[in-house]
Amino acid sequence: MSAPDHAAPDHAAPDQYTFDDPVQRYGRVEPPLQRQPEPGVQARMTPVPDLGERSYRGSGRLTGRRALITGGDSGIGGAVAIAFAREGADVVIVHLPGEEEDARSILDHIASAGRTGHAIVADISEAAACRAIVAEAVDVLGGLDILVNNAGKQVAVDRLEDLSDEQFELTFRTNVFANFWLTKAAVPHLPAGASIISTASLEAYKPAPDRLDYAATKAAVSNFAKGLAQQLAPRGIRVNVVAPGPVWSALQVSDGVSDEQMRAFDDENEYQRAGQPAELAPAYVFLASAESSYVSGETLNVNGGMVTP
């Protein structure tokens, strides 16, 4: 299911260009019940998610690009960082304290691809931190061409009465305010042809009753991107959204879902299996590359056949 840390691409394994049955490409995760404190360490999960360490095959689609990815140490963000590097981009990832183990693995994969990698440890729920992140990324990379607003907070709470003011505010600060702060700081550095990609969720259309705060933020992320795409179009900057369905990542084991939901994690979509981060990365590559030059203000749903508006 997953590759060991620091694994090199294995071209004998199915890659993103392999023609096969998508339903059968991965088996069911069937995770045992497991819990980690936030933010969770991917390397300690059972099973460990597949980020495409052994399978993603680059073809020069992002040669010379410079990318900043929040939440780039694991899960979808980690898979995107690996894919971007193998497509020729230099990459800065942002992660929280405690996620260094995962971040080191991603940096190793970036280095193995022959690209510059850099990690920033920061809490994006603070405006000043977001501005500092962009400044450091621009300094390290010598500019910026791609911003991926991917980091997110999700904590399941069954009853509205138990959803604290503090959690509600922090979820919005992490998922929505940080998106605004990072994007506002990045835009002055982005040239025509640059791309901004935000991670929303199926929850934006189909909110789970125990994730009221999270679902509301993902709807806001999608709406913000659609308005911003119109504002930035005259400047040649594209803005798009990827909306994942159920994907196996550290978000689930750090109180993102209930025990009951974890037991049924493979049963939510038409494929009857959870997605792997490796299956999300090509969507971000497409939206970051010039192949999507006529695509802006759009949402790319990657959810295993779940019908969306």
Protein backbone atom coordinates (compact mmCIF):
# COMPACT_ATOMS: atom_id res chain seq x y z
CA MET A 1 0.00 0.00 0.00
CA SER A 2 2.74 2.44 0.89
CA ALA A 3 6.39 3.02 0.23
CA PRO A 4 9.18 3.24 2.80
CA ASP A 5 10.64 6.64 3.55
CA HIS A 6 13.11 7.93 0.96
CA ALA A 7 11.91 5.43 -1.65
CA ALA A 8 12.93 6.17 -5.24
CA PRO A 9 10.44 5.96 -8.12
CA ASP A 10 9.79 2.37 -9.14
CA HIS A 11 8.93 2.44 -12.84
CA ALA A 12 7.77 -1.17 -12.68
CA ALA A 13 4.93 -0.05 -10.40
CA PRO A 14 1.78 1.59 -11.80
CA ASP A 15 2.31 5.33 -12.21
CA GLN A 16 -0.14 8.13 -13.01
CA TYR A 17 -0.01 7.20 -16.71
CA THR A 18 -0.81 3.49 -16.25
CA PHE A 19 -4.06 2.38 -17.89
CA ASP A 20 -5.88 0.18 -15.39
CA ASP A 21 -9.10 -0.20 -13.42
CA PRO A 22 -9.19 2.86 -11.10
CA VAL A 23 -11.44 1.08 -8.61
CA GLN A 24 -8.86 -1.67 -8.21
CA ARG A 25 -5.73 0.49 -8.35
CA TYR A 26 -5.58 0.51 -4.53
CA GLY A 27 -7.05 -1.89 -2.03
CA ARG A 28 -9.28 -0.84 0.83
CA VAL A 29 -7.43 0.86 3.67
CA GLU A 30 -9.48 -0.86 6.39
CA PRO A 31 -7.59 1.04 9.07
CA PRO A 32 -7.46 -0.24 12.61
CA LEU A 33 -8.68 2.25 15.18
CA GLN A 34 -5.83 4.61 15.98
CA ARG A 35 -5.44 8.03 17.49
CA GLN A 36 -2.64 10.59 17.53
CA PRO A 37 -2.54 14.06 19.04
CA GLU A 38 -2.84 16.89 16.53
CA PRO A 39 -1.33 17.39 14.04
CA GLY A 40 -0.46 13.70 13.64
CA VAL A 41 2.61 12.02 12.15
CA GLN A 42 2.03 10.15 8.93
CA ALA A 43 5.01 7.84 9.41
CA ARG A 44 3.31 6.37 12.50
CA MET A 45 0.00 5.58 10.81
CA THR A 46 -1.27 2.10 10.00
CA PRO A 47 -1.22 1.75 7.05
CA VAL A 48 1.08 4.57 6.00
CA PRO A 49 -0.52 6.61 3.18
CA ASP A 50 0.92 6.34 -0.31
CA LEU A 51 2.30 9.68 -1.52
CA GLY A 52 3.53 8.32 -4.84
CA GLU A 53 7.05 7.86 -3.51
CA ARG A 54 7.56 4.79 -5.71
CA SER A 55 5.17 5.59 -8.51
CA TYR A 56 4.98 9.26 -9.51
CA ARG A 57 6.80 9.83 -12.81
CA GLY A 58 7.72 13.36 -13.78
CA SER A 59 7.83 14.70 -17.34
CA GLY A 60 9.14 18.24 -16.97
CA ARG A 61 5.74 19.93 -16.75
CA LEU A 62 6.89 22.39 -14.04
CA THR A 63 10.52 22.87 -15.01
CA GLY A 64 11.99 25.93 -13.31
CA ARG A 65 8.84 26.75 -11.32
CA ARG A 66 8.97 27.81 -7.67
CA ALA A 67 6.26 26.51 -5.35
CA LEU A 68 5.09 27.10 -1.79
CA ILE A 69 2.90 24.37 -0.27
CA THR A 70 1.32 24.59 3.18
CA GLY A 71 0.82 21.27 4.91
CA GLY A 72 3.49 19.92 2.58
CA ASP A 73 5.01 17.45 5.02
CA SER A 74 2.45 14.65 4.60
CA GLY A 75 -0.84 13.59 3.05
CA ILE A 76 -2.04 15.45 -0.02
CA GLY A 77 0.46 18.28 0.47
CA GLY A 78 3.35 15.84 0.73
CA ALA A 79 2.26 14.00 -2.41
CA VAL A 80 2.00 17.32 -4.25
CA ALA A 81 5.49 18.35 -3.09
CA ILE A 82 6.97 15.10 -4.42
CA ALA A 83 5.11 15.42 -7.72
CA PHE A 84 6.06 19.08 -8.20
CA ALA A 85 9.73 18.29 -7.59
CA ARG A 86 9.70 15.40 -10.05
CA GLU A 87 8.07 17.73 -12.58
CA GLY A 88 11.02 20.13 -12.19
CA ALA A 89 9.91 22.62 -9.53
CA ASP A 90 11.77 23.86 -6.47
CA VAL A 91 9.54 23.52 -3.42
CA VAL A 92 9.11 25.12 0.00
CA ILE A 93 6.86 23.22 2.39
CA VAL A 94 5.26 24.54 5.58
CA HIS A 95 4.43 22.38 8.57
CA LEU A 96 3.69 22.56 12.29
CA PRO A 97 6.13 21.71 15.09
CA GLY A 98 6.11 17.97 15.72
CA GLU A 99 5.89 17.06 12.04
CA GLU A 100 9.64 17.13 11.37
CA GLU A 101 9.86 13.37 10.81
CA ASP A 102 7.45 13.54 7.90
CA ALA A 103 8.98 16.77 6.57
CA ARG A 104 12.47 15.25 6.41
CA SER A 105 11.16 12.45 4.23
CA ILE A 106 9.56 14.90 1.80
CA LEU A 107 12.74 16.98 1.63
CA ASP A 108 14.70 13.84 0.84
CA HIS A 109 12.39 13.07 -2.07
CA ILE A 110 12.72 16.64 -3.37
CA ALA A 111 16.50 16.38 -3.18
CA SER A 112 16.42 12.99 -4.93
CA ALA A 113 14.58 14.68 -7.78
CA GLY A 114 17.47 17.14 -8.08
CA ARG A 115 15.46 20.13 -6.92
CA THR A 116 15.78 22.64 -4.08
CA GLY A 117 13.64 21.87 -1.05
CA HIS A 118 13.14 23.90 2.10
CA ALA A 119 10.90 23.46 5.14
CA ILE A 120 9.39 26.22 7.27
CA VAL A 121 7.99 25.41 10.71
CA ALA A 122 5.12 27.78 11.39
CA ASP A 123 1.54 28.12 12.63
CA ILE A 124 -0.46 29.60 9.77
CA SER A 125 -3.32 30.62 12.07
CA GLU A 126 -1.44 33.87 12.72
CA ALA A 127 -1.29 36.66 10.12
CA ALA A 128 2.29 37.65 10.87
CA ALA A 129 3.44 34.04 10.44
CA CYS A 130 1.79 33.85 7.03
CA ARG A 131 3.52 37.00 5.84
CA ALA A 132 6.85 35.71 7.15
CA ILE A 133 6.33 32.36 5.38
CA VAL A 134 5.86 34.03 2.01
CA ALA A 135 8.86 36.32 2.55
CA GLU A 136 11.09 33.36 3.44
CA ALA A 137 9.87 31.28 0.52
CA VAL A 138 10.53 34.11 -1.93
CA ASP A 139 13.99 34.60 -0.46
CA VAL A 140 14.86 30.89 -0.64
CA LEU A 141 13.43 30.31 -4.10
CA GLY A 142 14.28 33.66 -5.65
CA GLY A 143 10.62 34.28 -6.43
CA LEU A 144 7.31 32.45 -6.48
CA ASP A 145 5.20 30.95 -9.27
CA ILE A 146 2.85 28.54 -7.47
CA LEU A 147 1.02 28.83 -4.15
CA VAL A 148 -0.82 25.79 -2.79
CA ASN A 149 -3.05 26.59 0.19
CA ASN A 150 -3.43 23.06 1.49
CA ALA A 151 -2.96 22.94 5.28
CA GLY A 152 -6.18 22.47 7.20
CA LYS A 153 -7.69 21.79 10.60
CA GLN A 154 -10.45 19.21 11.06
CA VAL A 155 -11.73 17.96 14.42
CA ALA A 156 -14.99 16.05 14.60
CA VAL A 157 -17.51 17.13 17.26
CA ASP A 158 -20.86 15.34 17.51
CA ARG A 159 -22.97 18.06 19.14
CA LEU A 160 -23.14 21.77 18.41
CA GLU A 161 -23.21 22.42 22.16
CA ASP A 162 -19.79 20.77 22.45
CA LEU A 163 -18.19 22.73 19.58
CA SER A 164 -16.19 25.32 21.49
CA ASP A 165 -15.81 28.94 20.45
CA GLU A 166 -12.04 28.37 20.48
CA GLN A 167 -12.18 25.44 18.05
CA PHE A 168 -14.61 27.19 15.73
CA GLU A 169 -12.37 30.25 15.54
CA LEU A 170 -9.14 28.27 15.13
CA THR A 171 -10.61 26.18 12.31
CA PHE A 172 -11.54 29.35 10.45
CA ARG A 173 -8.21 31.01 11.16
CA THR A 174 -6.32 27.97 9.86
CA ASN A 175 -8.48 27.09 6.87
CA VAL A 176 -9.82 30.46 5.71
CA PHE A 177 -7.95 33.38 7.26
CA ALA A 178 -4.55 31.80 6.48
CA ASN A 179 -5.63 31.30 2.88
CA PHE A 180 -6.37 35.03 2.68
CA TRP A 181 -3.18 36.09 4.48
CA LEU A 182 -0.88 33.84 2.45
CA THR A 183 -2.49 34.70 -0.86
CA LYS A 184 -2.45 38.44 -0.15
CA ALA A 185 1.26 38.27 0.72
CA ALA A 186 2.08 36.10 -2.30
CA VAL A 187 0.22 37.94 -5.06
CA PRO A 188 2.72 40.84 -5.38
CA HIS A 189 5.42 38.26 -6.14
CA LEU A 190 3.43 36.21 -8.67
CA PRO A 191 4.13 36.80 -12.38
CA ALA A 192 1.66 36.34 -15.20
CA GLY A 193 1.28 32.61 -15.68
CA ALA A 194 1.40 31.90 -11.95
CA SER A 195 -1.08 29.60 -10.29
CA ILE A 196 -2.86 29.62 -6.92
CA ILE A 197 -4.44 26.31 -5.89
CA SER A 198 -6.49 25.80 -2.74
CA THR A 199 -7.62 22.54 -1.18
CA ALA A 200 -11.33 22.51 -0.44
CA SER A 201 -13.30 19.30 0.20
CA LEU A 202 -16.39 17.34 -0.68
CA GLU A 203 -17.58 18.75 2.66
CA ALA A 204 -18.12 22.10 0.91
CA TYR A 205 -21.11 20.52 -0.87
CA LYS A 206 -22.02 17.68 1.48
CA PRO A 207 -21.23 18.77 5.05
CA ALA A 208 -20.90 16.07 7.66
CA PRO A 209 -23.01 16.85 10.74
CA ASP A 210 -20.05 16.42 13.08
CA ARG A 211 -17.74 18.70 11.05
CA LEU A 212 -19.77 21.89 10.94
CA ASP A 213 -16.82 24.24 11.33
CA TYR A 214 -14.58 22.36 8.90
CA ALA A 215 -17.26 22.05 6.22
CA ALA A 216 -18.14 25.73 6.47
CA THR A 217 -14.51 26.71 5.98
CA LYS A 218 -14.19 24.57 2.88
CA ALA A 219 -17.23 26.21 1.35
CA ALA A 220 -15.61 29.57 2.10
CA VAL A 221 -12.31 28.47 0.52
CA SER A 222 -14.11 27.51 -2.67
CA ASN A 223 -16.10 30.74 -2.84
CA PHE A 224 -13.05 32.90 -2.13
CA ALA A 225 -11.11 31.22 -4.94
CA LYS A 226 -13.89 31.74 -7.48
CA GLY A 227 -14.09 35.45 -6.72
CA LEU A 228 -10.33 35.87 -6.64
CA ALA A 229 -9.97 34.13 -10.00
CA GLN A 230 -12.07 36.85 -11.59
CA GLN A 231 -10.09 39.62 -9.87
CA LEU A 232 -6.68 38.24 -10.87
CA ALA A 233 -7.52 37.18 -14.43
CA PRO A 234 -6.40 40.54 -15.92
CA ARG A 235 -3.02 39.98 -14.28
CA GLY A 236 -2.61 36.53 -15.83
CA ILE A 237 -2.77 34.71 -12.49
CA ARG A 238 -5.01 31.65 -12.34
CA VAL A 239 -6.87 30.53 -9.19
CA ASN A 240 -8.40 27.07 -8.85
CA VAL A 241 -9.56 24.57 -6.25
CA VAL A 242 -9.13 20.83 -5.73
CA ALA A 243 -11.94 19.23 -3.72
CA PRO A 244 -10.92 15.80 -2.39
CA GLY A 245 -13.29 13.16 -1.15
CA PRO A 246 -12.25 10.69 1.57
CA VAL A 247 -8.45 10.44 1.42
CA TRP A 248 -6.33 8.52 3.93
CA SER A 249 -4.06 10.98 5.75
CA ALA A 250 -2.96 12.12 9.20
CA LEU A 251 -6.05 14.33 9.37
CA GLN A 252 -8.17 11.25 10.07
CA VAL A 253 -6.13 9.84 12.93
CA SER A 254 -5.78 13.17 14.78
CA ASP A 255 -9.47 13.46 15.74
CA GLY A 256 -10.62 14.33 12.23
CA VAL A 257 -13.19 11.53 12.23
CA SER A 258 -14.97 9.49 14.89
CA ASP A 259 -14.12 5.86 15.63
CA GLU A 260 -17.27 4.78 13.78
CA GLN A 261 -16.32 6.80 10.73
CA MET A 262 -12.78 5.43 10.75
CA ARG A 263 -14.17 1.87 10.73
CA ALA A 264 -16.28 2.76 7.67
CA PHE A 265 -13.72 5.00 5.99
CA ASP A 266 -13.61 2.88 2.82
CA ASP A 267 -17.39 2.85 2.36
CA GLU A 268 -18.16 6.50 1.58
CA ASN A 269 -17.75 6.63 -2.21
CA GLU A 270 -18.65 4.66 -5.32
CA TYR A 271 -15.21 3.06 -5.46
CA GLN A 272 -15.77 1.59 -2.00
CA ARG A 273 -12.25 2.48 -0.98
CA ALA A 274 -10.49 5.53 0.40
CA GLY A 275 -8.33 7.57 -1.91
CA GLN A 276 -4.58 7.79 -1.50
CA PRO A 277 -2.69 11.12 -1.56
CA ALA A 278 -0.82 9.90 -4.65
CA GLU A 279 -4.11 9.98 -6.55
CA LEU A 280 -4.62 13.68 -5.76
CA ALA A 281 -1.19 14.96 -6.81
CA PRO A 282 -1.79 14.87 -10.60
CA ALA A 283 -4.76 17.24 -10.19
CA TYR A 284 -2.51 19.85 -8.61
CA VAL A 285 0.17 19.33 -11.26
CA PHE A 286 -2.40 19.91 -13.99
CA LEU A 287 -3.68 23.11 -12.37
CA ALA A 288 -0.14 24.39 -11.73
CA SER A 289 1.09 23.69 -15.27
CA ALA A 290 0.53 25.61 -18.49
CA GLU A 291 -1.65 22.73 -19.68
CA SER A 292 -4.49 24.35 -17.74
CA SER A 293 -3.91 27.84 -19.15
CA TYR A 294 -7.63 28.24 -19.96
CA VAL A 295 -8.77 27.00 -16.54
CA SER A 296 -9.42 29.46 -13.72
CA GLY A 297 -12.12 29.79 -11.10
CA GLU A 298 -12.81 26.07 -11.32
CA THR A 299 -13.08 23.22 -8.82
CA LEU A 300 -11.59 19.85 -9.70
CA ASN A 301 -13.36 17.17 -7.69
CA VAL A 302 -11.26 14.09 -6.94
CA ASN A 303 -13.48 11.85 -4.85
CA GLY A 304 -13.89 8.32 -6.22
CA GLY A 305 -17.14 8.89 -8.10
CA MET A 306 -19.11 10.90 -5.55
CA VAL A 307 -21.57 13.15 -7.40
CA THR A 308 -21.11 16.87 -6.77
CA PRO A 309 -22.88 20.03 -7.97
